[in-house]
Amino acid sequence: MNVNNDLILLDCSLRDGGYYNNWEFEESFVDHYRKKIKTLPIDYLEIGYHNFTQKDYRGKYFFTP
């Protein structure tokens, strides 16, 4: 939902918050967060980094293909 056509809002709380828990969020937390964020005027929810495939595991929400 973009209220102002000149402004696009992106939330990166999960991506940046992952530094504190190695991107290992409980599924119930992510589901609850997604539902709550839908009620706000935020256009995009960034859940991880989009990058080349990583050889090291860094948590479920670190890398998104």
PDB file of N, CA and C in Angstrom:
ATOM      1  N   MET A   1       0.843  -1.173   0.000  1.00  0.00           N
ATOM      2  CA  MET A   1       0.000   0.000   0.000  1.00  0.00           C
ATOM      3  C   MET A   1       0.886   1.232   0.000  1.00  0.00           C
ATOM      4  N   ASN A   2       0.893   1.959  -1.081  1.00  0.00           N
ATOM      5  CA  ASN A   2       1.704   3.158  -1.205  1.00  0.00           C
ATOM      6  C   ASN A   2       0.794   4.375  -1.093  1.00  0.00           C
ATOM      7  N   VAL A   3       0.824   5.040   0.059  1.00  0.00           N
ATOM      8  CA  VAL A   3      -0.045   6.182   0.320  1.00  0.00           C
ATOM      9  C   VAL A   3       0.386   7.385  -0.519  1.00  0.00           C
ATOM     10  N   ASN A   4       1.679   7.583  -0.631  1.00  0.00           N
ATOM     11  CA  ASN A   4       2.219   8.699  -1.385  1.00  0.00           C
ATOM     12  C   ASN A   4       2.993   8.123  -2.557  1.00  0.00           C
ATOM     13  N   ASN A   5       2.590   8.437  -3.774  1.00  0.00           N
ATOM     14  CA  ASN A   5       3.236   7.859  -4.955  1.00  0.00           C
ATOM     15  C   ASN A   5       4.706   8.219  -5.071  1.00  0.00           C
ATOM     16  N   ASP A   6       5.163   9.235  -4.372  1.00  0.00           N
ATOM     17  CA  ASP A   6       6.564   9.643  -4.437  1.00  0.00           C
ATOM     18  C   ASP A   6       7.418   8.948  -3.384  1.00  0.00           C
ATOM     19  N   LEU A   7       6.812   8.203  -2.506  1.00  0.00           N
ATOM     20  CA  LEU A   7       7.526   7.608  -1.394  1.00  0.00           C
ATOM     21  C   LEU A   7       7.227   6.116  -1.308  1.00  0.00           C
ATOM     22  N   ILE A   8       8.281   5.323  -1.250  1.00  0.00           N
ATOM     23  CA  ILE A   8       8.140   3.880  -1.089  1.00  0.00           C
ATOM     24  C   ILE A   8       8.833   3.508   0.210  1.00  0.00           C
ATOM     25  N   LEU A   9       8.117   2.814   1.088  1.00  0.00           N
ATOM     26  CA  LEU A   9       8.668   2.444   2.388  1.00  0.00           C
ATOM     27  C   LEU A   9       9.093   0.983   2.399  1.00  0.00           C
ATOM     28  N   LEU A  10      10.296   0.744   2.894  1.00  0.00           N
ATOM     29  CA  LEU A  10      10.846  -0.595   3.018  1.00  0.00           C
ATOM     30  C   LEU A  10      11.215  -0.828   4.471  1.00  0.00           C
ATOM     31  N   ASP A  11      10.780  -1.957   5.017  1.00  0.00           N
ATOM     32  CA  ASP A  11      11.145  -2.323   6.378  1.00  0.00           C
ATOM     33  C   ASP A  11      12.212  -3.411   6.315  1.00  0.00           C
ATOM     34  N   CYS A  12      13.334  -3.194   6.974  1.00  0.00           N
ATOM     35  CA  CYS A  12      14.420  -4.186   6.969  1.00  0.00           C
ATOM     36  C   CYS A  12      14.749  -4.634   8.391  1.00  0.00           C
ATOM     37  N   SER A  13      13.758  -4.604   9.270  1.00  0.00           N
ATOM     38  CA  SER A  13      13.970  -4.987  10.671  1.00  0.00           C
ATOM     39  C   SER A  13      14.433  -6.427  10.818  1.00  0.00           C
ATOM     40  N   LEU A  14      13.851  -7.350  10.038  1.00  0.00           N
ATOM     41  CA  LEU A  14      14.267  -8.752  10.141  1.00  0.00           C
ATOM     42  C   LEU A  14      15.680  -8.941   9.612  1.00  0.00           C
ATOM     43  N   ARG A  15      15.956  -8.331   8.486  1.00  0.00           N
ATOM     44  CA  ARG A  15      17.305  -8.466   7.918  1.00  0.00           C
ATOM     45  C   ARG A  15      18.353  -7.918   8.872  1.00  0.00           C
ATOM     46  N   ASP A  16      18.171  -6.697   9.338  1.00  0.00           N
ATOM     47  CA  ASP A  16      19.149  -6.085  10.231  1.00  0.00           C
ATOM     48  C   ASP A  16      19.102  -6.676  11.638  1.00  0.00           C
ATOM     49  N   GLY A  17      17.920  -7.072  12.083  1.00  0.00           N
ATOM     50  CA  GLY A  17      17.791  -7.670  13.409  1.00  0.00           C
ATOM     51  C   GLY A  17      18.471  -9.021  13.499  1.00  0.00           C
ATOM     52  N   GLY A  18      18.693  -9.654  12.364  1.00  0.00           N
ATOM     53  CA  GLY A  18      19.341 -10.944  12.335  1.00  0.00           C
ATOM     54  C   GLY A  18      20.776 -10.937  12.835  1.00  0.00           C
ATOM     55  N   TYR A  19      21.388  -9.771  12.885  1.00  0.00           N
ATOM     56  CA  TYR A  19      22.746  -9.690  13.425  1.00  0.00           C
ATOM     57  C   TYR A  19      22.777 -10.092  14.897  1.00  0.00           C
ATOM     58  N   TYR A  20      21.651  -9.963  15.566  1.00  0.00           N
ATOM     59  CA  TYR A  20      21.592 -10.280  16.994  1.00  0.00           C
ATOM     60  C   TYR A  20      21.288 -11.747  17.286  1.00  0.00           C
ATOM     61  N   ASN A  21      20.686 -12.447  16.327  1.00  0.00           N
ATOM     62  CA  ASN A  21      20.335 -13.850  16.569  1.00  0.00           C
ATOM     63  C   ASN A  21      20.761 -14.760  15.420  1.00  0.00           C
ATOM     64  N   ASN A  22      21.717 -14.306  14.629  1.00  0.00           N
ATOM     65  CA  ASN A  22      22.223 -15.086  13.488  1.00  0.00           C
ATOM     66  C   ASN A  22      21.124 -15.477  12.508  1.00  0.00           C
ATOM     67  N   TRP A  23      20.146 -14.625  12.343  1.00  0.00           N
ATOM     68  CA  TRP A  23      19.046 -14.798  11.396  1.00  0.00           C
ATOM     69  C   TRP A  23      18.250 -16.066  11.652  1.00  0.00           C
ATOM     70  N   GLU A  24      18.163 -16.460  12.907  1.00  0.00           N
ATOM     71  CA  GLU A  24      17.379 -17.625  13.297  1.00  0.00           C
ATOM     72  C   GLU A  24      16.146 -17.155  14.065  1.00  0.00           C
ATOM     73  N   PHE A  25      15.111 -16.787  13.326  1.00  0.00           N
ATOM     74  CA  PHE A  25      13.861 -16.345  13.924  1.00  0.00           C
ATOM     75  C   PHE A  25      12.894 -17.510  14.013  1.00  0.00           C
ATOM     76  N   GLU A  26      12.105 -17.543  15.056  1.00  0.00           N
ATOM     77  CA  GLU A  26      11.043 -18.543  15.170  1.00  0.00           C
ATOM     78  C   GLU A  26      10.006 -18.276  14.083  1.00  0.00           C
ATOM     79  N   GLU A  27       9.486 -19.355  13.493  1.00  0.00           N
ATOM     80  CA  GLU A  27       8.470 -19.203  12.446  1.00  0.00           C
ATOM     81  C   GLU A  27       7.257 -18.426  12.953  1.00  0.00           C
ATOM     82  N   SER A  28       6.852 -18.686  14.194  1.00  0.00           N
ATOM     83  CA  SER A  28       5.686 -17.990  14.748  1.00  0.00           C
ATOM     84  C   SER A  28       5.948 -16.488  14.854  1.00  0.00           C
ATOM     85  N   PHE A  29       7.177 -16.110  15.172  1.00  0.00           N
ATOM     86  CA  PHE A  29       7.524 -14.690  15.250  1.00  0.00           C
ATOM     87  C   PHE A  29       7.439 -14.037  13.875  1.00  0.00           C
ATOM     88  N   VAL A  30       7.991 -14.689  12.866  1.00  0.00           N
ATOM     89  CA  VAL A  30       7.972 -14.130  11.511  1.00  0.00           C
ATOM     90  C   VAL A  30       6.536 -14.024  10.994  1.00  0.00           C
ATOM     91  N   ASP A  31       5.729 -15.043  11.231  1.00  0.00           N
ATOM     92  CA  ASP A  31       4.322 -14.998  10.808  1.00  0.00           C
ATOM     93  C   ASP A  31       3.586 -13.853  11.486  1.00  0.00           C
ATOM     94  N   HIS A  32       3.777 -13.705  12.790  1.00  0.00           N
ATOM     95  CA  HIS A  32       3.135 -12.622  13.532  1.00  0.00           C
ATOM     96  C   HIS A  32       3.615 -11.261  13.024  1.00  0.00           C
ATOM     97  N   TYR A  33       4.894 -11.137  12.800  1.00  0.00           N
ATOM     98  CA  TYR A  33       5.477  -9.885  12.315  1.00  0.00           C
ATOM     99  C   TYR A  33       4.916  -9.510  10.938  1.00  0.00           C
ATOM    100  N   ARG A  34       4.853 -10.492  10.045  1.00  0.00           N
ATOM    101  CA  ARG A  34       4.307 -10.240   8.705  1.00  0.00           C
ATOM    102  C   ARG A  34       2.862  -9.759   8.776  1.00  0.00           C
ATOM    103  N   LYS A  35       2.073 -10.375   9.635  1.00  0.00           N
ATOM    104  CA  LYS A  35       0.673  -9.973   9.762  1.00  0.00           C
ATOM    105  C   LYS A  35       0.542  -8.555  10.302  1.00  0.00           C
ATOM    106  N   LYS A  36       1.365  -8.220  11.270  1.00  0.00           N
ATOM    107  CA  LYS A  36       1.306  -6.873  11.854  1.00  0.00           C
ATOM    108  C   LYS A  36       1.810  -5.813  10.874  1.00  0.00           C
ATOM    109  N   ILE A  37       2.848  -6.130  10.130  1.00  0.00           N
ATOM    110  CA  ILE A  37       3.429  -5.153   9.209  1.00  0.00           C
ATOM    111  C   ILE A  37       2.451  -4.829   8.077  1.00  0.00           C
ATOM    112  N   LYS A  38       1.559  -5.774   7.758  1.00  0.00           N
ATOM    113  CA  LYS A  38       0.551  -5.532   6.719  1.00  0.00           C
ATOM    114  C   LYS A  38      -0.414  -4.413   7.099  1.00  0.00           C
ATOM    115  N   THR A  39      -0.535  -4.146   8.380  1.00  0.00           N
ATOM    116  CA  THR A  39      -1.466  -3.108   8.829  1.00  0.00           C
ATOM    117  C   THR A  39      -0.843  -1.708   8.734  1.00  0.00           C
ATOM    118  N   LEU A  40       0.417  -1.638   8.378  1.00  0.00           N
ATOM    119  CA  LEU A  40       1.127  -0.360   8.283  1.00  0.00           C
ATOM    120  C   LEU A  40       1.333   0.026   6.823  1.00  0.00           C
ATOM    121  N   PRO A  41       1.560   1.291   6.564  1.00  0.00           N
ATOM    122  CA  PRO A  41       1.771   1.724   5.172  1.00  0.00           C
ATOM    123  C   PRO A  41       3.197   1.431   4.681  1.00  0.00           C
ATOM    124  N   ILE A  42       3.595   0.167   4.762  1.00  0.00           N
ATOM    125  CA  ILE A  42       4.919  -0.249   4.321  1.00  0.00           C
ATOM    126  C   ILE A  42       4.750  -1.052   3.039  1.00  0.00           C
ATOM    127  N   ASP A  43       5.531  -0.699   2.024  1.00  0.00           N
ATOM    128  CA  ASP A  43       5.400  -1.320   0.713  1.00  0.00           C
ATOM    129  C   ASP A  43       6.168  -2.627   0.574  1.00  0.00           C
ATOM    130  N   TYR A  44       7.324  -2.723   1.210  1.00  0.00           N
ATOM    131  CA  TYR A  44       8.170  -3.900   1.081  1.00  0.00           C
ATOM    132  C   TYR A  44       8.698  -4.327   2.433  1.00  0.00           C
ATOM    133  N   LEU A  45       8.815  -5.631   2.608  1.00  0.00           N
ATOM    134  CA  LEU A  45       9.390  -6.204   3.820  1.00  0.00           C
ATOM    135  C   LEU A  45      10.600  -7.021   3.389  1.00  0.00           C
ATOM    136  N   GLU A  46      11.762  -6.589   3.798  1.00  0.00           N
ATOM    137  CA  GLU A  46      12.991  -7.275   3.435  1.00  0.00           C
ATOM    138  C   GLU A  46      13.327  -8.279   4.534  1.00  0.00           C
ATOM    139  N   ILE A  47      13.408  -9.559   4.160  1.00  0.00           N
ATOM    140  CA  ILE A  47      13.616 -10.593   5.174  1.00  0.00           C
ATOM    141  C   ILE A  47      15.030 -11.151   5.179  1.00  0.00           C
ATOM    142  N   GLY A  48      15.826 -10.832   4.190  1.00  0.00           N
ATOM    143  CA  GLY A  48      17.193 -11.346   4.146  1.00  0.00           C
ATOM    144  C   GLY A  48      17.965 -10.684   3.038  1.00  0.00           C
ATOM    145  N   TYR A  49      19.171 -11.092   2.894  1.00  0.00           N
ATOM    146  CA  TYR A  49      20.021 -10.551   1.840  1.00  0.00           C
ATOM    147  C   TYR A  49      19.802 -11.341   0.558  1.00  0.00           C
ATOM    148  N   HIS A  50      19.750 -10.657  -0.536  1.00  0.00           N
ATOM    149  CA  HIS A  50      19.674 -11.306  -1.841  1.00  0.00           C
ATOM    150  C   HIS A  50      21.066 -11.234  -2.436  1.00  0.00           C
ATOM    151  N   ASN A  51      21.676 -12.385  -2.599  1.00  0.00           N
ATOM    152  CA  ASN A  51      23.069 -12.425  -2.999  1.00  0.00           C
ATOM    153  C   ASN A  51      23.341 -13.755  -3.685  1.00  0.00           C
ATOM    154  N   PHE A  52      24.556 -13.959  -4.068  1.00  0.00           N
ATOM    155  CA  PHE A  52      24.954 -15.247  -4.615  1.00  0.00           C
ATOM    156  C   PHE A  52      24.821 -16.309  -3.521  1.00  0.00           C
ATOM    157  N   THR A  53      24.662 -17.540  -3.930  1.00  0.00           N
ATOM    158  CA  THR A  53      24.545 -18.636  -2.970  1.00  0.00           C
ATOM    159  C   THR A  53      25.745 -18.636  -2.038  1.00  0.00           C
ATOM    160  N   GLN A  54      25.448 -18.740  -0.756  1.00  0.00           N
ATOM    161  CA  GLN A  54      26.499 -18.738   0.266  1.00  0.00           C
ATOM    162  C   GLN A  54      26.888 -20.170   0.588  1.00  0.00           C
ATOM    163  N   LYS A  55      28.182 -20.440   0.762  1.00  0.00           N
ATOM    164  CA  LYS A  55      28.611 -21.794   1.111  1.00  0.00           C
ATOM    165  C   LYS A  55      28.468 -22.066   2.607  1.00  0.00           C
ATOM    166  N   ASP A  56      28.510 -21.036   3.414  1.00  0.00           N
ATOM    167  CA  ASP A  56      28.360 -21.179   4.860  1.00  0.00           C
ATOM    168  C   ASP A  56      26.924 -20.870   5.264  1.00  0.00           C
ATOM    169  N   TYR A  57      26.382 -21.689   6.152  1.00  0.00           N
ATOM    170  CA  TYR A  57      25.034 -21.437   6.667  1.00  0.00           C
ATOM    171  C   TYR A  57      25.091 -20.324   7.699  1.00  0.00           C
ATOM    172  N   ARG A  58      24.235 -19.329   7.540  1.00  0.00           N
ATOM    173  CA  ARG A  58      24.221 -18.191   8.461  1.00  0.00           C
ATOM    174  C   ARG A  58      22.837 -17.933   9.030  1.00  0.00           C
ATOM    175  N   GLY A  59      21.996 -18.897   9.027  1.00  0.00           N
ATOM    176  CA  GLY A  59      20.651 -18.722   9.560  1.00  0.00           C
ATOM    177  C   GLY A  59      19.618 -18.731   8.449  1.00  0.00           C
ATOM    178  N   LYS A  60      18.433 -19.160   8.794  1.00  0.00           N
ATOM    179  CA  LYS A  60      17.372 -19.333   7.797  1.00  0.00           C
ATOM    180  C   LYS A  60      17.041 -18.047   7.052  1.00  0.00           C
ATOM    181  N   TYR A  61      17.098 -16.915   7.711  1.00  0.00           N
ATOM    182  CA  TYR A  61      16.690 -15.668   7.095  1.00  0.00           C
ATOM    183  C   TYR A  61      17.861 -14.778   6.662  1.00  0.00           C
ATOM    184  N   PHE A  62      19.058 -15.329   6.582  1.00  0.00           N
ATOM    185  CA  PHE A  62      20.188 -14.527   6.116  1.00  0.00           C
ATOM    186  C   PHE A  62      20.149 -14.345   4.604  1.00  0.00           C
ATOM    187  N   PHE A  63      19.970 -15.425   3.887  1.00  0.00           N
ATOM    188  CA  PHE A  63      20.063 -15.404   2.436  1.00  0.00           C
ATOM    189  C   PHE A  63      18.731 -15.777   1.819  1.00  0.00           C
ATOM    190  N   THR A  64      18.283 -14.991   0.856  1.00  0.00           N
ATOM    191  CA  THR A  64      17.065 -15.320   0.135  1.00  0.00           C
ATOM    192  C   THR A  64      17.386 -15.384  -1.344  1.00  0.00           C
ATOM    193  N   PRO A  65      17.170 -16.534  -1.974  1.00  0.00           N
ATOM    194  CA  PRO A  65      17.500 -16.671  -3.409  1.00  0.00           C
ATOM    195  C   PRO A  65      16.512 -15.912  -4.273  1.00  0.00           C
TER     196      PRO A  65
END
